[in-house]
Amino acid sequence: MSDADAKLLASKSPLRIGEGIRLTLHFSVVAVCVEKKDTTRRGKPAKCVIGDGNLLPGFENALRGMQAGDAAQIRLEAADAFGERRQENVQLIEKSRFPAMDLAPGLLVSFTGPGGELPGTVLKVLNNHVQVDFNHPLAGRAIVFDVSILKLEALPT
């Protein structure tokens, strides 16, 4: 859907983002002072439902009240985004728990924990241990969402 089409939809629809609204949007995420980005702009737009717990609460709150055709840049401080970095999330794990892996700093590894999958990033490979950071890669950083709201739909009640 083009931006012009989205604006035309906005002029015909009184819907605003709130509970029980499914939205279709393009977004880019930029960590402030970092080049790393996540984006839907080159691919299929993202679809999500407000209030289902899949969006960061700070991002969801900032979207409330927007309409199809709206665009914004939304800055979230670390505490409202992926949280502050926590040193206790950096752990030393015995190298024997990484069978047949070519370990190197920056490698993303995954463990199964009580709550499901737990991804971590290898920081250092030592003689008998591996230092793994289980913080989200964007923890401790402010991020900016560059969003364009393409479509809103009321979900059946």
N, C-alpha and C. Protein backbone atom coordinates (compact mmCIF):
# COMPACT_ATOMS: atom_id res chain seq x y z
N MET A 1 0.85 -1.16 0.00
CA MET A 1 0.00 0.00 0.00
C MET A 1 0.90 1.23 0.00
N SER A 2 0.62 2.15 -0.89
CA SER A 2 1.43 3.37 -0.95
C SER A 2 1.04 4.32 0.17
N ASP A 3 1.93 5.28 0.44
CA ASP A 3 1.61 6.30 1.46
C ASP A 3 0.37 7.09 1.08
N ALA A 4 0.18 7.35 -0.23
CA ALA A 4 -1.00 8.07 -0.69
C ALA A 4 -2.27 7.27 -0.40
N ASP A 5 -2.21 5.93 -0.64
CA ASP A 5 -3.35 5.08 -0.34
C ASP A 5 -3.66 5.08 1.15
N ALA A 6 -2.61 5.03 1.97
CA ALA A 6 -2.80 5.03 3.43
C ALA A 6 -3.46 6.32 3.87
N LYS A 7 -3.06 7.45 3.28
CA LYS A 7 -3.67 8.74 3.65
C LYS A 7 -5.13 8.79 3.23
N LEU A 8 -5.45 8.20 2.08
CA LEU A 8 -6.83 8.16 1.63
C LEU A 8 -7.66 7.32 2.60
N LEU A 9 -7.13 6.18 3.04
CA LEU A 9 -7.83 5.35 4.02
C LEU A 9 -8.07 6.12 5.31
N ALA A 10 -7.07 6.87 5.74
CA ALA A 10 -7.18 7.63 6.99
C ALA A 10 -8.31 8.64 6.90
N SER A 11 -8.49 9.24 5.74
CA SER A 11 -9.54 10.25 5.62
C SER A 11 -10.93 9.63 5.65
N LYS A 12 -11.03 8.31 5.40
CA LYS A 12 -12.32 7.64 5.37
C LYS A 12 -12.60 6.83 6.63
N SER A 13 -11.62 6.65 7.49
CA SER A 13 -11.79 5.79 8.64
C SER A 13 -11.62 6.57 9.94
N PRO A 14 -12.61 6.44 10.85
CA PRO A 14 -12.49 7.12 12.14
C PRO A 14 -11.67 6.31 13.15
N LEU A 15 -11.23 5.10 12.78
CA LEU A 15 -10.51 4.26 13.72
C LEU A 15 -9.21 4.91 14.18
N ARG A 16 -8.94 4.73 15.46
CA ARG A 16 -7.68 5.16 16.05
C ARG A 16 -7.10 3.96 16.77
N ILE A 17 -5.78 3.92 16.90
CA ILE A 17 -5.12 2.81 17.55
C ILE A 17 -5.50 2.78 19.03
N GLY A 18 -5.94 1.62 19.46
CA GLY A 18 -6.32 1.37 20.84
C GLY A 18 -6.54 -0.12 21.03
N GLU A 19 -7.06 -0.52 22.20
CA GLU A 19 -7.31 -1.93 22.49
C GLU A 19 -8.18 -2.55 21.40
N GLY A 20 -7.85 -3.78 21.02
CA GLY A 20 -8.67 -4.51 20.07
C GLY A 20 -8.55 -4.05 18.64
N ILE A 21 -7.50 -3.32 18.32
CA ILE A 21 -7.27 -2.86 16.95
C ILE A 21 -6.07 -3.61 16.39
N ARG A 22 -6.26 -4.18 15.21
CA ARG A 22 -5.14 -4.78 14.48
C ARG A 22 -4.58 -3.71 13.55
N LEU A 23 -3.28 -3.52 13.60
CA LEU A 23 -2.69 -2.52 12.74
C LEU A 23 -1.66 -3.14 11.82
N THR A 24 -1.53 -2.56 10.66
CA THR A 24 -0.52 -2.92 9.69
C THR A 24 0.38 -1.71 9.57
N LEU A 25 1.69 -1.92 9.72
CA LEU A 25 2.60 -0.78 9.71
C LEU A 25 3.94 -1.16 9.13
N HIS A 26 4.63 -0.16 8.66
CA HIS A 26 6.04 -0.27 8.32
C HIS A 26 6.78 0.38 9.47
N PHE A 27 7.96 -0.17 9.81
CA PHE A 27 8.75 0.46 10.85
C PHE A 27 10.22 0.21 10.62
N SER A 28 11.01 1.09 11.18
CA SER A 28 12.45 0.92 11.28
C SER A 28 12.80 1.14 12.74
N VAL A 29 13.75 0.38 13.24
CA VAL A 29 14.22 0.56 14.61
C VAL A 29 15.70 0.90 14.53
N VAL A 30 16.08 1.98 15.18
CA VAL A 30 17.48 2.40 15.19
C VAL A 30 17.90 2.57 16.64
N ALA A 31 18.98 1.90 17.03
CA ALA A 31 19.53 2.13 18.36
C ALA A 31 20.29 3.44 18.30
N VAL A 32 20.03 4.32 19.20
CA VAL A 32 20.70 5.61 19.21
C VAL A 32 22.21 5.37 19.39
N CYS A 33 23.01 6.00 18.56
CA CYS A 33 24.47 5.88 18.55
C CYS A 33 24.95 4.51 18.07
N VAL A 34 24.11 3.78 17.36
CA VAL A 34 24.50 2.48 16.82
C VAL A 34 23.95 2.38 15.40
N GLU A 35 24.65 1.67 14.54
CA GLU A 35 24.21 1.52 13.16
C GLU A 35 23.19 0.40 12.98
N LYS A 36 23.02 -0.46 13.97
CA LYS A 36 22.15 -1.63 13.84
C LYS A 36 20.70 -1.19 13.67
N LYS A 37 20.02 -1.80 12.69
CA LYS A 37 18.63 -1.46 12.42
C LYS A 37 17.82 -2.73 12.19
N ASP A 38 16.54 -2.63 12.45
CA ASP A 38 15.57 -3.65 12.08
C ASP A 38 14.49 -2.89 11.32
N THR A 39 14.00 -3.46 10.24
CA THR A 39 13.06 -2.71 9.44
C THR A 39 12.11 -3.62 8.68
N THR A 40 10.92 -3.11 8.35
CA THR A 40 10.00 -3.80 7.46
C THR A 40 9.89 -3.02 6.15
N ARG A 41 10.56 -1.91 6.03
CA ARG A 41 10.37 -1.03 4.87
C ARG A 41 10.71 -1.69 3.54
N ARG A 42 11.61 -2.65 3.53
CA ARG A 42 11.99 -3.30 2.28
C ARG A 42 11.18 -4.56 2.03
N GLY A 43 10.36 -4.93 2.98
CA GLY A 43 9.62 -6.18 2.85
C GLY A 43 8.16 -5.99 3.18
N LYS A 44 7.60 -7.06 3.63
CA LYS A 44 6.18 -7.10 3.97
C LYS A 44 5.94 -6.29 5.24
N PRO A 45 4.88 -5.49 5.26
CA PRO A 45 4.58 -4.72 6.48
C PRO A 45 4.28 -5.66 7.65
N ALA A 46 4.52 -5.19 8.84
CA ALA A 46 4.22 -5.95 10.05
C ALA A 46 2.75 -5.78 10.40
N LYS A 47 2.17 -6.83 10.98
CA LYS A 47 0.80 -6.78 11.48
C LYS A 47 0.85 -7.14 12.95
N CYS A 48 0.11 -6.43 13.77
CA CYS A 48 0.08 -6.73 15.20
C CYS A 48 -1.25 -6.26 15.77
N VAL A 49 -1.53 -6.73 16.98
CA VAL A 49 -2.77 -6.38 17.65
C VAL A 49 -2.43 -5.64 18.94
N ILE A 50 -3.03 -4.48 19.12
CA ILE A 50 -2.80 -3.69 20.33
C ILE A 50 -3.38 -4.45 21.52
N GLY A 51 -2.58 -4.54 22.58
CA GLY A 51 -3.03 -5.18 23.81
C GLY A 51 -2.76 -6.66 23.91
N ASP A 52 -2.11 -7.28 22.88
CA ASP A 52 -1.88 -8.73 22.96
C ASP A 52 -0.54 -9.08 23.61
N GLY A 53 0.23 -8.07 24.01
CA GLY A 53 1.49 -8.32 24.70
C GLY A 53 2.68 -8.56 23.81
N ASN A 54 2.53 -8.44 22.50
CA ASN A 54 3.65 -8.69 21.59
C ASN A 54 4.48 -7.46 21.27
N LEU A 55 3.98 -6.28 21.59
CA LEU A 55 4.73 -5.05 21.35
C LEU A 55 5.33 -4.55 22.66
N LEU A 56 6.44 -3.86 22.57
CA LEU A 56 6.98 -3.21 23.76
C LEU A 56 5.92 -2.27 24.31
N PRO A 57 5.64 -2.31 25.61
CA PRO A 57 4.59 -1.44 26.17
C PRO A 57 4.80 0.04 25.85
N GLY A 58 6.02 0.53 25.92
CA GLY A 58 6.28 1.94 25.61
C GLY A 58 5.97 2.28 24.17
N PHE A 59 6.27 1.36 23.25
CA PHE A 59 5.98 1.56 21.83
C PHE A 59 4.47 1.54 21.61
N GLU A 60 3.81 0.56 22.22
CA GLU A 60 2.36 0.46 22.08
C GLU A 60 1.67 1.71 22.61
N ASN A 61 2.09 2.20 23.76
CA ASN A 61 1.49 3.41 24.32
C ASN A 61 1.68 4.61 23.42
N ALA A 62 2.85 4.70 22.78
CA ALA A 62 3.11 5.84 21.89
C ALA A 62 2.26 5.77 20.62
N LEU A 63 1.86 4.56 20.21
CA LEU A 63 1.04 4.40 19.01
C LEU A 63 -0.43 4.76 19.25
N ARG A 64 -0.87 4.67 20.50
CA ARG A 64 -2.29 4.89 20.80
C ARG A 64 -2.77 6.25 20.29
N GLY A 65 -3.90 6.21 19.65
CA GLY A 65 -4.51 7.44 19.12
C GLY A 65 -4.13 7.75 17.68
N MET A 66 -3.12 7.06 17.14
CA MET A 66 -2.73 7.30 15.75
C MET A 66 -3.77 6.69 14.82
N GLN A 67 -3.79 7.16 13.56
CA GLN A 67 -4.72 6.68 12.54
C GLN A 67 -3.93 6.19 11.33
N ALA A 68 -4.62 5.43 10.46
CA ALA A 68 -4.01 5.03 9.19
C ALA A 68 -3.56 6.28 8.46
N GLY A 69 -2.37 6.24 7.92
CA GLY A 69 -1.81 7.39 7.22
C GLY A 69 -0.87 8.21 8.09
N ASP A 70 -0.92 8.03 9.40
CA ASP A 70 -0.02 8.76 10.30
C ASP A 70 1.38 8.17 10.24
N ALA A 71 2.35 9.02 10.46
CA ALA A 71 3.76 8.61 10.54
C ALA A 71 4.39 9.36 11.71
N ALA A 72 5.36 8.74 12.34
CA ALA A 72 6.01 9.39 13.48
C ALA A 72 7.36 8.74 13.75
N GLN A 73 8.18 9.47 14.48
CA GLN A 73 9.41 8.92 15.04
C GLN A 73 9.20 8.88 16.54
N ILE A 74 9.34 7.69 17.11
CA ILE A 74 9.06 7.48 18.52
C ILE A 74 10.34 7.05 19.21
N ARG A 75 10.80 7.87 20.15
CA ARG A 75 12.02 7.54 20.89
C ARG A 75 11.64 6.90 22.22
N LEU A 76 12.25 5.76 22.50
CA LEU A 76 12.06 5.10 23.78
C LEU A 76 13.41 5.03 24.49
N GLU A 77 13.42 5.45 25.74
CA GLU A 77 14.64 5.31 26.53
C GLU A 77 14.81 3.82 26.86
N ALA A 78 16.00 3.43 27.24
CA ALA A 78 16.33 2.02 27.46
C ALA A 78 15.32 1.33 28.39
N ALA A 79 14.95 1.98 29.48
CA ALA A 79 14.03 1.37 30.45
C ALA A 79 12.68 1.05 29.83
N ASP A 80 12.25 1.82 28.84
CA ASP A 80 10.96 1.60 28.19
C ASP A 80 11.08 0.76 26.92
N ALA A 81 12.30 0.44 26.54
CA ALA A 81 12.54 -0.34 25.32
C ALA A 81 12.90 -1.78 25.73
N PHE A 82 14.17 -2.12 25.68
CA PHE A 82 14.61 -3.49 25.99
C PHE A 82 15.27 -3.59 27.35
N GLY A 83 15.07 -2.57 28.18
CA GLY A 83 15.58 -2.60 29.54
C GLY A 83 17.03 -2.18 29.65
N GLU A 84 17.45 -1.99 30.88
CA GLU A 84 18.85 -1.64 31.15
C GLU A 84 19.69 -2.91 31.08
N ARG A 85 20.97 -2.75 30.75
CA ARG A 85 21.88 -3.90 30.78
C ARG A 85 22.06 -4.33 32.23
N ARG A 86 22.05 -5.62 32.44
CA ARG A 86 22.22 -6.16 33.78
C ARG A 86 23.43 -7.08 33.78
N GLN A 87 24.41 -6.76 34.60
CA GLN A 87 25.65 -7.52 34.65
C GLN A 87 25.39 -8.98 35.03
N GLU A 88 24.36 -9.23 35.84
CA GLU A 88 24.07 -10.62 36.23
C GLU A 88 23.59 -11.47 35.06
N ASN A 89 23.27 -10.84 33.92
CA ASN A 89 22.90 -11.58 32.72
C ASN A 89 24.11 -12.00 31.89
N VAL A 90 25.30 -11.64 32.33
CA VAL A 90 26.54 -12.09 31.68
C VAL A 90 27.07 -13.24 32.52
N GLN A 91 27.19 -14.42 31.89
CA GLN A 91 27.54 -15.62 32.65
C GLN A 91 28.69 -16.38 32.01
N LEU A 92 29.44 -17.08 32.86
CA LEU A 92 30.48 -18.01 32.40
C LEU A 92 29.86 -19.40 32.34
N ILE A 93 29.96 -20.03 31.19
CA ILE A 93 29.38 -21.35 30.98
C ILE A 93 30.50 -22.29 30.54
N GLU A 94 30.48 -23.50 31.08
CA GLU A 94 31.51 -24.47 30.72
C GLU A 94 31.49 -24.73 29.22
N LYS A 95 32.67 -24.75 28.64
CA LYS A 95 32.82 -24.94 27.20
C LYS A 95 32.21 -26.27 26.75
N SER A 96 32.19 -27.27 27.63
CA SER A 96 31.65 -28.58 27.28
C SER A 96 30.15 -28.53 26.94
N ARG A 97 29.46 -27.45 27.31
CA ARG A 97 28.02 -27.30 27.00
C ARG A 97 27.80 -26.81 25.57
N PHE A 98 28.90 -26.62 24.83
CA PHE A 98 28.82 -26.16 23.44
C PHE A 98 29.45 -27.21 22.52
N PRO A 99 28.84 -28.38 22.40
CA PRO A 99 29.47 -29.45 21.61
C PRO A 99 29.59 -29.08 20.13
N ALA A 100 30.75 -29.35 19.60
CA ALA A 100 31.01 -29.20 18.16
C ALA A 100 30.60 -27.85 17.59
N MET A 101 30.85 -26.78 18.33
CA MET A 101 30.54 -25.44 17.82
C MET A 101 31.83 -24.67 17.62
N ASP A 102 31.88 -23.89 16.57
CA ASP A 102 33.01 -23.00 16.32
C ASP A 102 32.71 -21.69 17.06
N LEU A 103 33.16 -21.60 18.30
CA LEU A 103 32.83 -20.46 19.16
C LEU A 103 33.71 -19.26 18.85
N ALA A 104 33.09 -18.10 18.77
CA ALA A 104 33.82 -16.85 18.53
C ALA A 104 32.99 -15.71 19.09
N PRO A 105 33.63 -14.63 19.55
CA PRO A 105 32.88 -13.47 20.03
C PRO A 105 31.89 -12.98 18.97
N GLY A 106 30.69 -12.66 19.43
CA GLY A 106 29.64 -12.18 18.53
C GLY A 106 28.67 -13.26 18.08
N LEU A 107 29.05 -14.54 18.27
CA LEU A 107 28.19 -15.64 17.87
C LEU A 107 26.94 -15.67 18.74
N LEU A 108 25.77 -15.79 18.12
CA LEU A 108 24.51 -15.90 18.84
C LEU A 108 24.27 -17.38 19.13
N VAL A 109 24.07 -17.71 20.40
CA VAL A 109 23.81 -19.08 20.82
C VAL A 109 22.46 -19.12 21.51
N SER A 110 21.87 -20.31 21.58
CA SER A 110 20.56 -20.44 22.17
C SER A 110 20.54 -21.61 23.14
N PHE A 111 19.91 -21.39 24.29
CA PHE A 111 19.74 -22.41 25.31
C PHE A 111 18.25 -22.56 25.56
N THR A 112 17.86 -23.71 26.07
CA THR A 112 16.48 -23.92 26.46
C THR A 112 16.40 -23.75 27.97
N GLY A 113 15.58 -22.80 28.39
CA GLY A 113 15.41 -22.53 29.81
C GLY A 113 14.00 -22.83 30.23
N PRO A 114 13.68 -22.62 31.52
CA PRO A 114 12.33 -22.89 32.01
C PRO A 114 11.26 -22.09 31.28
N GLY A 115 11.59 -20.90 30.81
CA GLY A 115 10.62 -20.05 30.11
C GLY A 115 10.67 -20.20 28.60
N GLY A 116 11.44 -21.17 28.09
CA GLY A 116 11.56 -21.35 26.64
C GLY A 116 12.97 -21.07 26.17
N GLU A 117 13.08 -20.61 24.93
CA GLU A 117 14.38 -20.33 24.33
C GLU A 117 15.02 -19.11 24.97
N LEU A 118 16.32 -19.22 25.23
CA LEU A 118 17.07 -18.12 25.84
C LEU A 118 18.31 -17.84 24.97
N PRO A 119 18.23 -16.81 24.12
CA PRO A 119 19.38 -16.50 23.28
C PRO A 119 20.44 -15.70 24.04
N GLY A 120 21.68 -15.88 23.64
CA GLY A 120 22.79 -15.14 24.24
C GLY A 120 23.85 -14.88 23.19
N THR A 121 24.70 -13.92 23.49
CA THR A 121 25.79 -13.57 22.58
C THR A 121 27.12 -13.91 23.24
N VAL A 122 27.97 -14.66 22.52
CA VAL A 122 29.29 -14.99 23.03
C VAL A 122 30.13 -13.73 23.11
N LEU A 123 30.68 -13.45 24.30
CA LEU A 123 31.56 -12.29 24.47
C LEU A 123 33.03 -12.70 24.39
N LYS A 124 33.38 -13.78 25.11
CA LYS A 124 34.77 -14.25 25.15
C LYS A 124 34.79 -15.76 25.18
N VAL A 125 35.81 -16.33 24.53
CA VAL A 125 36.05 -17.77 24.59
C VAL A 125 37.34 -17.95 25.37
N LEU A 126 37.22 -18.60 26.53
CA LEU A 126 38.37 -18.82 27.42
C LEU A 126 38.80 -20.28 27.31
N ASN A 127 39.76 -20.70 28.10
CA ASN A 127 40.25 -22.08 28.02
C ASN A 127 39.15 -23.10 28.26
N ASN A 128 38.45 -23.01 29.37
CA ASN A 128 37.43 -24.00 29.73
C ASN A 128 36.03 -23.43 29.82
N HIS A 129 35.89 -22.15 29.61
CA HIS A 129 34.59 -21.49 29.76
C HIS A 129 34.32 -20.54 28.59
N VAL A 130 33.05 -20.20 28.46
CA VAL A 130 32.62 -19.22 27.45
C VAL A 130 31.82 -18.16 28.19
N GLN A 131 32.16 -16.89 27.97
CA GLN A 131 31.41 -15.80 28.58
C GLN A 131 30.27 -15.43 27.62
N VAL A 132 29.02 -15.55 28.12
CA VAL A 132 27.84 -15.32 27.29
C VAL A 132 27.00 -14.21 27.91
N ASP A 133 26.57 -13.29 27.07
CA ASP A 133 25.71 -12.17 27.50
C ASP A 133 24.27 -12.50 27.11
N PHE A 134 23.42 -12.66 28.13
CA PHE A 134 22.01 -12.97 27.90
C PHE A 134 21.13 -11.72 27.91
N ASN A 135 21.72 -10.53 27.96
CA ASN A 135 20.95 -9.30 27.79
C ASN A 135 20.48 -9.21 26.34
N HIS A 136 19.35 -8.55 26.10
CA HIS A 136 18.94 -8.29 24.73
C HIS A 136 20.03 -7.44 24.08
N PRO A 137 20.34 -7.66 22.80
CA PRO A 137 21.41 -6.88 22.15
C PRO A 137 21.20 -5.36 22.21
N LEU A 138 19.96 -4.90 22.35
CA LEU A 138 19.69 -3.46 22.43
C LEU A 138 19.44 -2.99 23.85
N ALA A 139 19.66 -3.86 24.85
CA ALA A 139 19.48 -3.45 26.25
C ALA A 139 20.46 -2.33 26.58
N GLY A 140 19.99 -1.38 27.38
CA GLY A 140 20.84 -0.28 27.80
C GLY A 140 20.93 0.85 26.79
N ARG A 141 20.18 0.76 25.72
CA ARG A 141 20.24 1.79 24.66
C ARG A 141 18.86 2.38 24.40
N ALA A 142 18.84 3.66 24.16
CA ALA A 142 17.61 4.29 23.67
C ALA A 142 17.44 3.87 22.21
N ILE A 143 16.20 3.70 21.80
CA ILE A 143 15.93 3.36 20.41
C ILE A 143 14.89 4.29 19.83
N VAL A 144 14.89 4.41 18.53
CA VAL A 144 13.91 5.23 17.82
C VAL A 144 13.18 4.34 16.83
N PHE A 145 11.85 4.36 16.91
CA PHE A 145 11.01 3.69 15.92
C PHE A 145 10.57 4.75 14.92
N ASP A 146 10.79 4.50 13.66
CA ASP A 146 10.28 5.34 12.58
C ASP A 146 9.11 4.56 11.99
N VAL A 147 7.88 4.98 12.25
CA VAL A 147 6.70 4.20 11.88
C VAL A 147 5.80 4.92 10.89
N SER A 148 5.15 4.13 10.06
CA SER A 148 4.09 4.59 9.17
C SER A 148 2.93 3.64 9.34
N ILE A 149 1.78 4.15 9.76
CA ILE A 149 0.60 3.33 9.97
C ILE A 149 -0.12 3.18 8.63
N LEU A 150 -0.24 1.95 8.15
CA LEU A 150 -0.83 1.70 6.85
C LEU A 150 -2.32 1.39 6.92
N LYS A 151 -2.72 0.59 7.92
CA LYS A 151 -4.10 0.13 7.95
C LYS A 151 -4.50 -0.20 9.39
N LEU A 152 -5.75 0.07 9.73
CA LEU A 152 -6.31 -0.30 11.04
C LEU A 152 -7.58 -1.10 10.82
N GLU A 153 -7.75 -2.13 11.65
CA GLU A 153 -8.95 -2.96 11.58
C GLU A 153 -9.46 -3.21 12.98
N ALA A 154 -10.75 -3.06 13.21
CA ALA A 154 -11.34 -3.41 14.50
C ALA A 154 -11.53 -4.92 14.52
N LEU A 155 -11.09 -5.54 15.61
CA LEU A 155 -11.27 -6.98 15.75
C LEU A 155 -12.68 -7.28 16.24
N PRO A 156 -13.24 -8.41 15.81
CA PRO A 156 -14.58 -8.76 16.30
C PRO A 156 -14.55 -8.96 17.81
N THR A 157 -15.62 -8.56 18.47
CA THR A 157 -15.68 -8.72 19.94
C THR A 157 -16.46 -9.93 20.34
